[in-house]
Protein backbone atom coordinates (compact mmCIF):
# COMPACT_ATOMS: atom_id res chain seq x y z
CA MET A 1 134.80 79.67 196.43
CA GLN A 2 134.89 82.15 199.04
CA ARG A 3 131.26 82.37 198.92
CA PHE A 4 131.06 78.57 199.59
CA ILE A 5 133.31 78.42 202.59
CA THR A 6 131.85 81.74 204.13
CA PHE A 7 128.11 79.86 203.82
CA ALA A 8 129.73 76.73 205.34
CA CYS A 9 131.03 77.99 208.22
CA ALA A 10 127.64 80.31 208.43
CA VAL A 11 125.62 77.41 208.36
CA SER A 12 128.19 75.23 210.21
CA ALA A 13 127.83 78.01 213.29
CA VAL A 14 124.13 77.98 212.90
CA ALA A 15 123.99 74.36 213.60
CA PHE A 16 125.99 74.53 216.37
CA ALA A 17 124.26 77.31 218.33
CA VAL A 18 120.56 75.45 217.28
CA VAL A 19 122.03 71.82 219.29
CA ALA A 20 123.84 74.07 221.86
CA CYS A 21 120.75 75.59 222.91
CA GLY A 22 118.68 72.20 221.92
CA SER A 23 120.68 70.41 224.63
CA SER A 24 120.56 72.43 227.58
CA ASP A 25 117.03 71.80 228.31
CA ASP A 26 115.28 69.15 227.59
CA SER A 27 112.66 69.50 230.08
CA GLY A 28 109.55 70.15 227.73
CA SER A 29 110.70 66.64 225.46
CA SER A 30 109.10 64.53 227.84
CA ASN A 31 106.13 64.14 230.26
CA ASN A 32 106.51 62.09 233.26
CA GLY A 33 103.15 61.33 234.28
CA GLY A 34 103.47 63.63 237.25
CA SER A 35 104.26 61.66 240.48
CA SER A 36 101.37 59.08 241.11
CA GLY A 37 104.00 57.00 239.44
CA SER A 38 102.63 56.29 236.10
CA SER A 39 104.88 55.30 233.14
CA SER A 40 106.12 58.70 231.46
CA VAL A 41 105.12 59.21 227.54
CA ALA A 42 107.83 60.65 225.85
CA LEU A 43 106.20 63.66 223.41
CA CYS A 44 107.62 65.07 220.72
CA VAL A 45 109.25 68.96 220.78
CA GLY A 46 108.54 72.04 218.80
CA ASP A 47 104.98 72.30 217.05
CA TYR A 48 104.02 69.01 218.12
CA SER A 49 104.86 68.91 222.00
CA THR A 50 101.38 67.67 223.01
CA LEU A 51 101.80 64.71 220.88
CA SER A 52 103.59 61.23 221.33
CA GLU A 53 105.49 59.98 218.44
CA SER A 54 102.55 57.43 217.80
CA ALA A 55 99.92 60.02 217.84
CA LEU A 56 101.80 62.36 215.33
CA GLU A 57 102.04 59.13 213.34
CA ALA A 58 98.36 58.48 213.45
CA GLN A 59 97.29 61.81 212.64
CA THR A 60 99.72 62.44 209.35
CA ALA A 61 97.63 61.44 206.39
CA SER A 62 98.89 58.19 204.73
CA SER A 63 99.17 60.00 201.21
CA GLY A 64 101.72 62.71 202.71
CA GLN A 65 105.41 62.71 202.08
CA CYS A 66 106.15 62.84 205.89
CA ALA A 67 103.88 59.84 206.26
CA SER A 68 106.96 57.15 206.83
CA LYS A 69 107.35 56.01 210.46
CA ASP A 70 111.20 57.03 210.21
CA ASP A 71 109.93 60.55 209.00
CA ALA A 72 106.98 60.77 212.02
CA SER A 73 110.26 59.62 214.55
CA SER A 74 112.51 62.59 212.97
CA ILE A 75 110.12 65.40 213.05
CA CYS A 76 109.04 64.35 216.87
CA ALA A 77 112.62 64.73 217.92
CA ASN A 78 113.38 67.93 216.40
CA ASP A 79 111.92 71.21 215.90
CA VAL A 80 111.97 71.20 212.02
CA PRO A 81 110.22 74.25 210.94
CA ALA A 82 112.25 76.40 213.25
CA GLN A 83 115.55 74.25 211.51
CA ALA A 84 114.03 75.11 208.19
CA ALA A 85 113.52 78.22 208.97
CA THR A 86 117.11 78.76 209.86
CA CYS A 87 118.17 77.21 206.79
CA GLY A 88 116.03 79.49 204.56
CA LEU A 89 117.68 82.23 206.28
CA ALA A 90 121.18 81.04 205.85
CA CYS A 91 120.50 80.25 202.35
CA ILE A 92 118.79 83.02 201.13
CA GLN A 93 122.24 84.79 200.38
CA MET A 94 123.04 82.50 198.15
CA THR A 95 123.51 83.06 194.38
CA GLY A 96 123.05 79.53 193.51
CA ASP A 97 120.83 77.16 194.02
CA GLN A 98 119.18 77.68 197.19
CA ASP A 99 116.29 75.27 197.27
CA ALA A 100 119.47 72.96 196.69
CA CYS A 101 121.17 74.78 199.50
CA VAL A 102 118.20 74.27 202.12
CA SER A 103 117.67 71.02 201.57
CA THR A 104 121.82 70.17 202.51
CA CYS A 105 121.20 72.69 205.51
CA LEU A 106 117.82 70.47 206.46
CA ASN A 107 119.73 67.53 206.36
CA SER A 108 122.47 68.29 208.27
CA MET A 109 120.58 69.93 210.69
CA VAL A 110 117.66 67.14 211.54
CA LEU A 111 118.75 63.64 213.08
CA PRO A 112 117.92 61.55 212.29
CA VAL A 113 117.52 62.88 208.50
CA LEU A 114 114.26 62.99 206.97
CA SER A 115 113.38 61.17 203.76
CA ASP A 116 113.86 62.95 200.66
CA ALA A 117 110.30 63.44 199.38
CA CYS A 118 109.31 64.94 202.82
CA VAL A 119 112.63 67.29 202.59
CA GLY A 120 110.82 68.61 199.73
CA CYS A 121 107.94 69.88 201.49
CA TYR A 122 110.04 71.89 203.67
CA VAL A 123 112.06 73.16 200.80
CA ALA A 124 108.81 73.96 198.87
CA ASP A 125 107.49 76.11 201.73
CA VAL A 126 110.98 78.05 202.24
CA ALA A 127 110.86 78.56 198.57
CA CYS A 128 107.41 79.85 198.44
CA ALA A 129 107.83 82.03 201.59
CA ARG A 130 111.09 83.36 200.17
CA THR A 131 109.12 84.24 196.41
CA ASN A 132 105.88 85.57 197.96
CA CYS A 133 107.44 86.71 201.38
CA LEU A 134 110.54 87.71 201.51
CA THR A 135 110.28 91.01 203.62
CA SER A 136 107.25 89.55 205.74
CA CYS A 137 109.23 87.10 206.87
CA ALA A 138 112.56 88.57 207.59
CA ASP A 139 112.01 87.87 210.92
CA PRO A 140 110.28 84.30 210.60
CA THR A 141 108.88 84.86 214.08
CA GLY A 142 107.16 88.12 213.67
CA ASP A 143 103.69 89.16 213.01
CA LEU A 144 103.35 89.88 209.76
CA CYS A 145 105.30 86.06 208.40
CA MET A 146 102.22 83.60 208.68
CA PRO A 147 99.72 85.76 207.72
CA CYS A 148 101.58 86.68 204.58
CA ARG A 149 102.55 82.65 204.37
CA GLN A 150 98.80 81.94 204.82
CA MET A 151 97.24 84.63 202.39
CA HIS A 152 99.93 82.78 199.25
CA GLY A 153 99.18 79.39 200.01
CA CYS A 154 102.22 78.22 201.24
CA ILE A 155 101.09 76.73 204.81
CA ASP A 156 97.71 74.89 202.93
CA ALA A 157 100.54 73.57 200.17
CA PHE A 158 102.81 72.71 203.25
CA TYR A 159 100.14 70.50 204.81
CA SER A 160 99.21 69.07 201.48
CA CYS A 161 102.47 68.02 200.75
CA SER A 162 103.86 66.77 204.21
CA GLY A 163 100.24 64.94 205.18
CA LEU A 164 101.00 66.32 208.65
CA PRO A 165 98.45 67.74 211.00
CA ASN A 166 98.23 71.45 211.30
CA PRO A 167 99.01 72.20 214.87
CA ASN A 168 96.93 75.79 214.30
CA PRO A 169 94.31 74.66 212.21
CA SER A 170 93.03 78.50 212.13
CA THR A 171 95.95 78.95 209.56
CA GLY A 172 94.66 77.27 206.96
CA GLY A 173 95.96 73.34 206.48
CA SER A 174 94.38 70.25 205.74
CA GLY A 175 96.84 67.78 205.89
CA GLY A 176 96.37 65.27 208.13
CA SER A 177 93.73 64.18 210.54
CA GLY A 178 94.79 67.08 212.92
CA GLY A 179 97.15 68.72 211.36
CA SER A 180 100.34 69.94 212.44
CA GLY A 181 103.74 71.46 211.36
CA GLY A 182 104.82 74.37 213.77
CA SER A 183 105.79 77.38 213.51
CA SER A 184 107.45 78.93 210.25
CA SER A 185 108.28 82.24 208.19
CA VAL A 186 110.57 82.66 205.60
CA GLY A 187 109.06 79.26 204.40
CA ALA A 188 109.35 76.97 207.18
CA ALA A 189 106.50 74.27 208.66
CA GLY A 190 104.32 75.11 211.63
CA GLU A 191 102.35 78.04 213.02
CA THR A 192 103.16 78.45 216.72
CA SER A 193 106.80 79.24 216.74
CA ALA A 194 107.45 80.45 213.29
CA SER A 195 110.46 80.23 211.64
CA ALA A 196 111.54 81.15 208.26
CA GLY A 197 111.73 78.69 205.39
CA THR A 198 110.07 75.14 206.70
CA GLY A 199 106.75 73.98 206.22
CA GLY A 200 103.55 74.86 207.19
């Protein structure tokens, strides 16, 4: 019981830190179209910061687990790879079901919540990194994490599962028509900001 309380406190602290950090600067979340007076188009955050929500949805493979409009909206509004990495690191010390821990943690951090199927792709990516790249991804943003995840197929598996476009096609991944994901490390999606435990 004491371990669960300690874990719950740690996850809460991480969630508050992410929310606090994320809310202090929203300068990268939208494009005002310059000073020419053209209408602004809101851009996604994180790995998809160059795409609008509709562009992300259009580039996501319809056969992917994250292909719904609701999932695209949530992924666009959240840096899910970074959040998955945070959850992967927070759950690594759990003696119980780490996948369930990552899923619960991710559902508490990503709002609106992702579909269970989409969350499953992020959880599988975190598990792949945890199993194959634990040492390399101790620092999810480090230089060793992404190459290890790529070598062990974690990145390809994530994009195949999610259907998201890979934002860094040089890291592999054939999901979607353009690829997405972002940076991740201990099993996280994305290849640009690297995070431990979230798809890609």
